[in-house]
Amino acid sequence: MVLLTADRVISFWTKKLRLDWELSLTAVQGIAIEDNGIRFAHRAGKAYDKFVSISDKDSQSWFFSQIGSVVKTFNVRRRMDS
């Protein structure tokens, strides 16, 4: 399960309700659609990248557009806070 919030992406295991990973949007260098999901490139390097597995192309596109909306709002808010 992946949760997209106003300032981070959180991945957790639903059966045990345990955190898999979380990534602050401030740490994201880029976001890309790949064959089987979406990759979040980390500013600290490829070893820290996070991947969300989404095999359905329509779901992939939908989630990618949601990420784009959240990132756009996040960046506007950061500029206003500076």
PDB file of N, CA and C in Angstrom:
ATOM      1  N   MET A   1       0.856  -1.169   0.000  1.00  0.00           N
ATOM      2  CA  MET A   1       0.000   0.000   0.000  1.00  0.00           C
ATOM      3  C   MET A   1       0.902   1.232   0.000  1.00  0.00           C
ATOM      4  N   VAL A   2       0.525   2.237  -0.771  1.00  0.00           N
ATOM      5  CA  VAL A   2       1.275   3.483  -0.837  1.00  0.00           C
ATOM      6  C   VAL A   2       0.329   4.634  -0.534  1.00  0.00           C
ATOM      7  N   LEU A   3       0.786   5.517   0.322  1.00  0.00           N
ATOM      8  CA  LEU A   3       0.011   6.691   0.713  1.00  0.00           C
ATOM      9  C   LEU A   3       0.760   7.932   0.259  1.00  0.00           C
ATOM     10  N   LEU A   4       0.086   8.775  -0.486  1.00  0.00           N
ATOM     11  CA  LEU A   4       0.649  10.040  -0.946  1.00  0.00           C
ATOM     12  C   LEU A   4       0.039  11.151  -0.111  1.00  0.00           C
ATOM     13  N   THR A   5       0.879  11.886   0.623  1.00  0.00           N
ATOM     14  CA  THR A   5       0.391  12.991   1.449  1.00  0.00           C
ATOM     15  C   THR A   5       0.856  14.303   0.844  1.00  0.00           C
ATOM     16  N   ALA A   6       0.583  15.387   1.513  1.00  0.00           N
ATOM     17  CA  ALA A   6       0.956  16.715   1.020  1.00  0.00           C
ATOM     18  C   ALA A   6       2.465  16.940   1.013  1.00  0.00           C
ATOM     19  N   ASP A   7       3.228  16.124   1.770  1.00  0.00           N
ATOM     20  CA  ASP A   7       4.669  16.357   1.816  1.00  0.00           C
ATOM     21  C   ASP A   7       5.537  15.103   1.798  1.00  0.00           C
ATOM     22  N   ARG A   8       4.921  13.924   1.603  1.00  0.00           N
ATOM     23  CA  ARG A   8       5.715  12.700   1.558  1.00  0.00           C
ATOM     24  C   ARG A   8       4.961  11.554   0.898  1.00  0.00           C
ATOM     25  N   VAL A   9       5.725  10.506   0.586  1.00  0.00           N
ATOM     26  CA  VAL A   9       5.167   9.263   0.070  1.00  0.00           C
ATOM     27  C   VAL A   9       5.518   8.190   1.096  1.00  0.00           C
ATOM     28  N   ILE A  10       4.524   7.399   1.476  1.00  0.00           N
ATOM     29  CA  ILE A  10       4.726   6.387   2.506  1.00  0.00           C
ATOM     30  C   ILE A  10       4.288   5.032   1.951  1.00  0.00           C
ATOM     31  N   SER A  11       5.143   4.042   2.075  1.00  0.00           N
ATOM     32  CA  SER A  11       4.823   2.687   1.656  1.00  0.00           C
ATOM     33  C   SER A  11       4.779   1.805   2.896  1.00  0.00           C
ATOM     34  N   PHE A  12       3.719   1.008   3.004  1.00  0.00           N
ATOM     35  CA  PHE A  12       3.632   0.115   4.157  1.00  0.00           C
ATOM     36  C   PHE A  12       2.988  -1.204   3.768  1.00  0.00           C
ATOM     37  N   TRP A  13       3.247  -2.197   4.583  1.00  0.00           N
ATOM     38  CA  TRP A  13       2.686  -3.534   4.385  1.00  0.00           C
ATOM     39  C   TRP A  13       1.306  -3.564   5.008  1.00  0.00           C
ATOM     40  N   THR A  14       0.294  -3.932   4.253  1.00  0.00           N
ATOM     41  CA  THR A  14      -1.076  -3.899   4.765  1.00  0.00           C
ATOM     42  C   THR A  14      -1.381  -5.042   5.721  1.00  0.00           C
ATOM     43  N   LYS A  15      -0.813  -6.206   5.508  1.00  0.00           N
ATOM     44  CA  LYS A  15      -1.130  -7.344   6.372  1.00  0.00           C
ATOM     45  C   LYS A  15      -0.656  -7.133   7.804  1.00  0.00           C
ATOM     46  N   LYS A  16       0.498  -6.518   7.967  1.00  0.00           N
ATOM     47  CA  LYS A  16       1.051  -6.315   9.307  1.00  0.00           C
ATOM     48  C   LYS A  16       1.011  -4.853   9.738  1.00  0.00           C
ATOM     49  N   LEU A  17       0.525  -3.978   8.843  1.00  0.00           N
ATOM     50  CA  LEU A  17       0.509  -2.539   9.086  1.00  0.00           C
ATOM     51  C   LEU A  17       1.868  -2.032   9.569  1.00  0.00           C
ATOM     52  N   ARG A  18       2.892  -2.430   8.827  1.00  0.00           N
ATOM     53  CA  ARG A  18       4.259  -2.003   9.140  1.00  0.00           C
ATOM     54  C   ARG A  18       4.798  -1.124   8.022  1.00  0.00           C
ATOM     55  N   LEU A  19       5.555  -0.134   8.432  1.00  0.00           N
ATOM     56  CA  LEU A  19       6.168   0.784   7.485  1.00  0.00           C
ATOM     57  C   LEU A  19       7.200   0.049   6.640  1.00  0.00           C
ATOM     58  N   ASP A  20       7.120   0.227   5.337  1.00  0.00           N
ATOM     59  CA  ASP A  20       8.124  -0.305   4.423  1.00  0.00           C
ATOM     60  C   ASP A  20       9.185   0.773   4.211  1.00  0.00           C
ATOM     61  N   TRP A  21       8.744   1.954   3.756  1.00  0.00           N
ATOM     62  CA  TRP A  21       9.630   3.112   3.608  1.00  0.00           C
ATOM     63  C   TRP A  21       8.794   4.374   3.538  1.00  0.00           C
ATOM     64  N   GLU A  22       9.462   5.507   3.777  1.00  0.00           N
ATOM     65  CA  GLU A  22       8.820   6.808   3.576  1.00  0.00           C
ATOM     66  C   GLU A  22       9.838   7.746   2.966  1.00  0.00           C
ATOM     67  N   LEU A  23       9.334   8.667   2.173  1.00  0.00           N
ATOM     68  CA  LEU A  23      10.202   9.577   1.441  1.00  0.00           C
ATOM     69  C   LEU A  23       9.582  10.966   1.440  1.00  0.00           C
ATOM     70  N   SER A  24      10.319  11.909   1.996  1.00  0.00           N
ATOM     71  CA  SER A  24       9.872  13.300   1.986  1.00  0.00           C
ATOM     72  C   SER A  24      10.015  13.858   0.573  1.00  0.00           C
ATOM     73  N   LEU A  25       9.077  14.684   0.161  1.00  0.00           N
ATOM     74  CA  LEU A  25       9.164  15.280  -1.173  1.00  0.00           C
ATOM     75  C   LEU A  25      10.390  16.180  -1.312  1.00  0.00           C
ATOM     76  N   THR A  26      10.917  16.682  -0.203  1.00  0.00           N
ATOM     77  CA  THR A  26      12.144  17.490  -0.273  1.00  0.00           C
ATOM     78  C   THR A  26      13.344  16.641  -0.698  1.00  0.00           C
ATOM     79  N   ALA A  27      13.277  15.323  -0.525  1.00  0.00           N
ATOM     80  CA  ALA A  27      14.379  14.431  -0.888  1.00  0.00           C
ATOM     81  C   ALA A  27      14.265  13.901  -2.313  1.00  0.00           C
ATOM     82  N   VAL A  28      13.168  14.211  -3.000  1.00  0.00           N
ATOM     83  CA  VAL A  28      12.939  13.683  -4.349  1.00  0.00           C
ATOM     84  C   VAL A  28      13.612  14.575  -5.384  1.00  0.00           C
ATOM     85  N   GLN A  29      14.419  13.940  -6.217  1.00  0.00           N
ATOM     86  CA  GLN A  29      15.077  14.663  -7.310  1.00  0.00           C
ATOM     87  C   GLN A  29      14.267  14.554  -8.589  1.00  0.00           C
ATOM     88  N   GLY A  30      13.579  13.436  -8.772  1.00  0.00           N
ATOM     89  CA  GLY A  30      12.779  13.240  -9.974  1.00  0.00           C
ATOM     90  C   GLY A  30      11.836  12.061  -9.809  1.00  0.00           C
ATOM     91  N   ILE A  31      10.848  11.993 -10.689  1.00  0.00           N
ATOM     92  CA  ILE A  31       9.858  10.925 -10.651  1.00  0.00           C
ATOM     93  C   ILE A  31       9.677  10.428 -12.083  1.00  0.00           C
ATOM     94  N   ALA A  32       9.708   9.109 -12.256  1.00  0.00           N
ATOM     95  CA  ALA A  32       9.606   8.560 -13.609  1.00  0.00           C
ATOM     96  C   ALA A  32       8.715   7.323 -13.638  1.00  0.00           C
ATOM     97  N   ILE A  33       7.935   7.225 -14.717  1.00  0.00           N
ATOM     98  CA  ILE A  33       7.158   6.009 -14.956  1.00  0.00           C
ATOM     99  C   ILE A  33       8.085   4.996 -15.620  1.00  0.00           C
ATOM    100  N   GLU A  34       8.089   3.781 -15.079  1.00  0.00           N
ATOM    101  CA  GLU A  34       8.857   2.688 -15.667  1.00  0.00           C
ATOM    102  C   GLU A  34       7.888   1.581 -16.074  1.00  0.00           C
ATOM    103  N   ASP A  35       8.388   0.511 -16.642  1.00  0.00           N
ATOM    104  CA  ASP A  35       7.532  -0.565 -17.150  1.00  0.00           C
ATOM    105  C   ASP A  35       6.550  -1.097 -16.107  1.00  0.00           C
ATOM    106  N   ASN A  36       7.014  -1.305 -14.894  1.00  0.00           N
ATOM    107  CA  ASN A  36       6.181  -1.944 -13.874  1.00  0.00           C
ATOM    108  C   ASN A  36       5.835  -1.046 -12.698  1.00  0.00           C
ATOM    109  N   GLY A  37       6.017   0.261 -12.842  1.00  0.00           N
ATOM    110  CA  GLY A  37       5.688   1.133 -11.730  1.00  0.00           C
ATOM    111  C   GLY A  37       6.255   2.528 -11.863  1.00  0.00           C
ATOM    112  N   ILE A  38       6.450   3.159 -10.710  1.00  0.00           N
ATOM    113  CA  ILE A  38       6.920   4.542 -10.655  1.00  0.00           C
ATOM    114  C   ILE A  38       8.136   4.606  -9.744  1.00  0.00           C
ATOM    115  N   ARG A  39       9.190   5.237 -10.241  1.00  0.00           N
ATOM    116  CA  ARG A  39      10.430   5.383  -9.478  1.00  0.00           C
ATOM    117  C   ARG A  39      10.562   6.818  -8.973  1.00  0.00           C
ATOM    118  N   PHE A  40      10.898   6.926  -7.702  1.00  0.00           N
ATOM    119  CA  PHE A  40      11.203   8.205  -7.072  1.00  0.00           C
ATOM    120  C   PHE A  40      12.716   8.279  -6.932  1.00  0.00           C
ATOM    121  N   ALA A  41      13.348   9.140  -7.726  1.00  0.00           N
ATOM    122  CA  ALA A  41      14.799   9.304  -7.658  1.00  0.00           C
ATOM    123  C   ALA A  41      15.135  10.180  -6.447  1.00  0.00           C
ATOM    124  N   HIS A  42      16.034   9.685  -5.621  1.00  0.00           N
ATOM    125  CA  HIS A  42      16.411  10.368  -4.380  1.00  0.00           C
ATOM    126  C   HIS A  42      17.598  11.291  -4.624  1.00  0.00           C
ATOM    127  N   ARG A  43      17.593  12.433  -3.987  1.00  0.00           N
ATOM    128  CA  ARG A  43      18.690  13.403  -4.124  1.00  0.00           C
ATOM    129  C   ARG A  43      20.030  12.829  -3.662  1.00  0.00           C
ATOM    130  N   ALA A  44      20.006  11.874  -2.737  1.00  0.00           N
ATOM    131  CA  ALA A  44      21.241  11.313  -2.181  1.00  0.00           C
ATOM    132  C   ALA A  44      21.850  10.232  -3.071  1.00  0.00           C
ATOM    133  N   GLY A  45      21.190   9.873  -4.142  1.00  0.00           N
ATOM    134  CA  GLY A  45      21.745   8.886  -5.060  1.00  0.00           C
ATOM    135  C   GLY A  45      20.828   7.704  -5.307  1.00  0.00           C
ATOM    136  N   LYS A  46      21.170   6.950  -6.332  1.00  0.00           N
ATOM    137  CA  LYS A  46      20.335   5.839  -6.794  1.00  0.00           C
ATOM    138  C   LYS A  46      20.097   4.777  -5.719  1.00  0.00           C
ATOM    139  N   ALA A  47      21.045   4.585  -4.831  1.00  0.00           N
ATOM    140  CA  ALA A  47      20.893   3.586  -3.767  1.00  0.00           C
ATOM    141  C   ALA A  47      19.707   3.899  -2.862  1.00  0.00           C
ATOM    142  N   TYR A  48      19.275   5.148  -2.848  1.00  0.00           N
ATOM    143  CA  TYR A  48      18.175   5.574  -1.986  1.00  0.00           C
ATOM    144  C   TYR A  48      16.848   5.737  -2.739  1.00  0.00           C
ATOM    145  N   ASP A  49      16.853   5.444  -4.042  1.00  0.00           N
ATOM    146  CA  ASP A  49      15.620   5.536  -4.826  1.00  0.00           C
ATOM    147  C   ASP A  49      14.541   4.638  -4.229  1.00  0.00           C
ATOM    148  N   LYS A  50      13.296   5.021  -4.428  1.00  0.00           N
ATOM    149  CA  LYS A  50      12.151   4.219  -3.983  1.00  0.00           C
ATOM    150  C   LYS A  50      11.312   3.879  -5.203  1.00  0.00           C
ATOM    151  N   PHE A  51      10.697   2.705  -5.185  1.00  0.00           N
ATOM    152  CA  PHE A  51       9.929   2.234  -6.325  1.00  0.00           C
ATOM    153  C   PHE A  51       8.564   1.758  -5.860  1.00  0.00           C
ATOM    154  N   VAL A  52       7.535   2.188  -6.582  1.00  0.00           N
ATOM    155  CA  VAL A  52       6.171   1.736  -6.323  1.00  0.00           C
ATOM    156  C   VAL A  52       5.769   0.847  -7.487  1.00  0.00           C
ATOM    157  N   SER A  53       5.497  -0.401  -7.197  1.00  0.00           N
ATOM    158  CA  SER A  53       5.120  -1.356  -8.230  1.00  0.00           C
ATOM    159  C   SER A  53       3.639  -1.192  -8.579  1.00  0.00           C
ATOM    160  N   ILE A  54       3.388  -0.847  -9.846  1.00  0.00           N
ATOM    161  CA  ILE A  54       2.017  -0.713 -10.365  1.00  0.00           C
ATOM    162  C   ILE A  54       2.039  -1.271 -11.781  1.00  0.00           C
ATOM    163  N   SER A  55       1.493  -2.463 -11.967  1.00  0.00           N
ATOM    164  CA  SER A  55       1.570  -3.100 -13.280  1.00  0.00           C
ATOM    165  C   SER A  55       0.515  -2.586 -14.256  1.00  0.00           C
ATOM    166  N   ASP A  56      -0.642  -2.165 -13.758  1.00  0.00           N
ATOM    167  CA  ASP A  56      -1.716  -1.659 -14.613  1.00  0.00           C
ATOM    168  C   ASP A  56      -1.373  -0.253 -15.122  1.00  0.00           C
ATOM    169  N   LYS A  57      -1.315  -0.101 -16.435  1.00  0.00           N
ATOM    170  CA  LYS A  57      -0.888   1.179 -17.035  1.00  0.00           C
ATOM    171  C   LYS A  57      -1.838   2.335 -16.698  1.00  0.00           C
ATOM    172  N   ASP A  58      -3.148   2.075 -16.656  1.00  0.00           N
ATOM    173  CA  ASP A  58      -4.097   3.138 -16.305  1.00  0.00           C
ATOM    174  C   ASP A  58      -3.894   3.597 -14.864  1.00  0.00           C
ATOM    175  N   SER A  59      -3.695   2.660 -13.966  1.00  0.00           N
ATOM    176  CA  SER A  59      -3.446   3.003 -12.565  1.00  0.00           C
ATOM    177  C   SER A  59      -2.129   3.746 -12.416  1.00  0.00           C
ATOM    178  N   GLN A  60      -1.138   3.321 -13.183  1.00  0.00           N
ATOM    179  CA  GLN A  60       0.168   3.984 -13.190  1.00  0.00           C
ATOM    180  C   GLN A  60       0.017   5.453 -13.597  1.00  0.00           C
ATOM    181  N   SER A  61      -0.684   5.682 -14.692  1.00  0.00           N
ATOM    182  CA  SER A  61      -0.891   7.049 -15.189  1.00  0.00           C
ATOM    183  C   SER A  61      -1.677   7.892 -14.191  1.00  0.00           C
ATOM    184  N   TRP A  62      -2.704   7.303 -13.597  1.00  0.00           N
ATOM    185  CA  TRP A  62      -3.514   8.033 -12.621  1.00  0.00           C
ATOM    186  C   TRP A  62      -2.663   8.436 -11.419  1.00  0.00           C
ATOM    187  N   PHE A  63      -1.903   7.490 -10.866  1.00  0.00           N
ATOM    188  CA  PHE A  63      -1.094   7.795  -9.688  1.00  0.00           C
ATOM    189  C   PHE A  63      -0.016   8.821 -10.028  1.00  0.00           C
ATOM    190  N   PHE A  64       0.585   8.710 -11.209  1.00  0.00           N
ATOM    191  CA  PHE A  64       1.599   9.662 -11.638  1.00  0.00           C
ATOM    192  C   PHE A  64       1.015  11.075 -11.716  1.00  0.00           C
ATOM    193  N   SER A  65      -0.205  11.205 -12.215  1.00  0.00           N
ATOM    194  CA  SER A  65      -0.834  12.528 -12.295  1.00  0.00           C
ATOM    195  C   SER A  65      -1.155  13.062 -10.898  1.00  0.00           C
ATOM    196  N   GLN A  66      -1.528  12.180  -9.984  1.00  0.00           N
ATOM    197  CA  GLN A  66      -1.781  12.612  -8.602  1.00  0.00           C
ATOM    198  C   GLN A  66      -0.493  13.107  -7.954  1.00  0.00           C
ATOM    199  N   ILE A  67       0.597  12.411  -8.203  1.00  0.00           N
ATOM    200  CA  ILE A  67       1.900  12.829  -7.682  1.00  0.00           C
ATOM    201  C   ILE A  67       2.244  14.210  -8.235  1.00  0.00           C
ATOM    202  N   GLY A  68       2.023  14.403  -9.534  1.00  0.00           N
ATOM    203  CA  GLY A  68       2.306  15.697 -10.153  1.00  0.00           C
ATOM    204  C   GLY A  68       1.541  16.823  -9.500  1.00  0.00           C
ATOM    205  N   SER A  69       0.276  16.612  -9.200  1.00  0.00           N
ATOM    206  CA  SER A  69      -0.542  17.647  -8.543  1.00  0.00           C
ATOM    207  C   SER A  69      -0.029  17.956  -7.153  1.00  0.00           C
ATOM    208  N   VAL A  70       0.304  16.919  -6.404  1.00  0.00           N
ATOM    209  CA  VAL A  70       0.805  17.111  -5.038  1.00  0.00           C
ATOM    210  C   VAL A  70       2.155  17.828  -5.060  1.00  0.00           C
ATOM    211  N   VAL A  71       3.042  17.426  -5.952  1.00  0.00           N
ATOM    212  CA  VAL A  71       4.368  18.060  -6.037  1.00  0.00           C
ATOM    213  C   VAL A  71       4.242  19.526  -6.436  1.00  0.00           C
ATOM    214  N   LYS A  72       3.359  19.824  -7.358  1.00  0.00           N
ATOM    215  CA  LYS A  72       3.154  21.216  -7.779  1.00  0.00           C
ATOM    216  C   LYS A  72       2.700  22.071  -6.597  1.00  0.00           C
ATOM    217  N   THR A  73       1.722  21.599  -5.849  1.00  0.00           N
ATOM    218  CA  THR A  73       1.229  22.318  -4.667  1.00  0.00           C
ATOM    219  C   THR A  73       2.321  22.430  -3.616  1.00  0.00           C
ATOM    220  N   PHE A  74       3.078  21.354  -3.412  1.00  0.00           N
ATOM    221  CA  PHE A  74       4.171  21.342  -2.445  1.00  0.00           C
ATOM    222  C   PHE A  74       5.213  22.405  -2.789  1.00  0.00           C
ATOM    223  N   ASN A  75       5.585  22.488  -4.074  1.00  0.00           N
ATOM    224  CA  ASN A  75       6.592  23.466  -4.506  1.00  0.00           C
ATOM    225  C   ASN A  75       6.090  24.898  -4.353  1.00  0.00           C
ATOM    226  N   VAL A  76       4.832  25.141  -4.663  1.00  0.00           N
ATOM    227  CA  VAL A  76       4.268  26.488  -4.488  1.00  0.00           C
ATOM    228  C   VAL A  76       4.298  26.877  -3.017  1.00  0.00           C
ATOM    229  N   ARG A  77       3.899  25.956  -2.161  1.00  0.00           N
ATOM    230  CA  ARG A  77       3.897  26.225  -0.718  1.00  0.00           C
ATOM    231  C   ARG A  77       5.305  26.490  -0.196  1.00  0.00           C
ATOM    232  N   ARG A  78       6.297  25.745  -0.678  1.00  0.00           N
ATOM    233  CA  ARG A  78       7.685  25.946  -0.251  1.00  0.00           C
ATOM    234  C   ARG A  78       8.191  27.329  -0.675  1.00  0.00           C
ATOM    235  N   ARG A  79       7.833  27.758  -1.891  1.00  0.00           N
ATOM    236  CA  ARG A  79       8.255  29.078  -2.358  1.00  0.00           C
ATOM    237  C   ARG A  79       7.627  30.181  -1.520  1.00  0.00           C
ATOM    238  N   MET A  80       6.383  29.988  -1.128  1.00  0.00           N
ATOM    239  CA  MET A  80       5.697  31.001  -0.324  1.00  0.00           C
ATOM    240  C   MET A  80       6.279  31.071   1.089  1.00  0.00           C
ATOM    241  N   ASP A  81       6.763  29.941   1.608  1.00  0.00           N
ATOM    242  CA  ASP A  81       7.346  29.900   2.942  1.00  0.00           C
ATOM    243  C   ASP A  81       8.751  30.463   2.985  1.00  0.00           C
ATOM    244  N   SER A  82       9.416  30.558   1.835  1.00  0.00           N
ATOM    245  CA  SER A  82      10.803  31.054   1.797  1.00  0.00           C
ATOM    246  C   SER A  82      10.898  32.545   1.965  1.00  0.00           C
TER     247      SER A  82
END
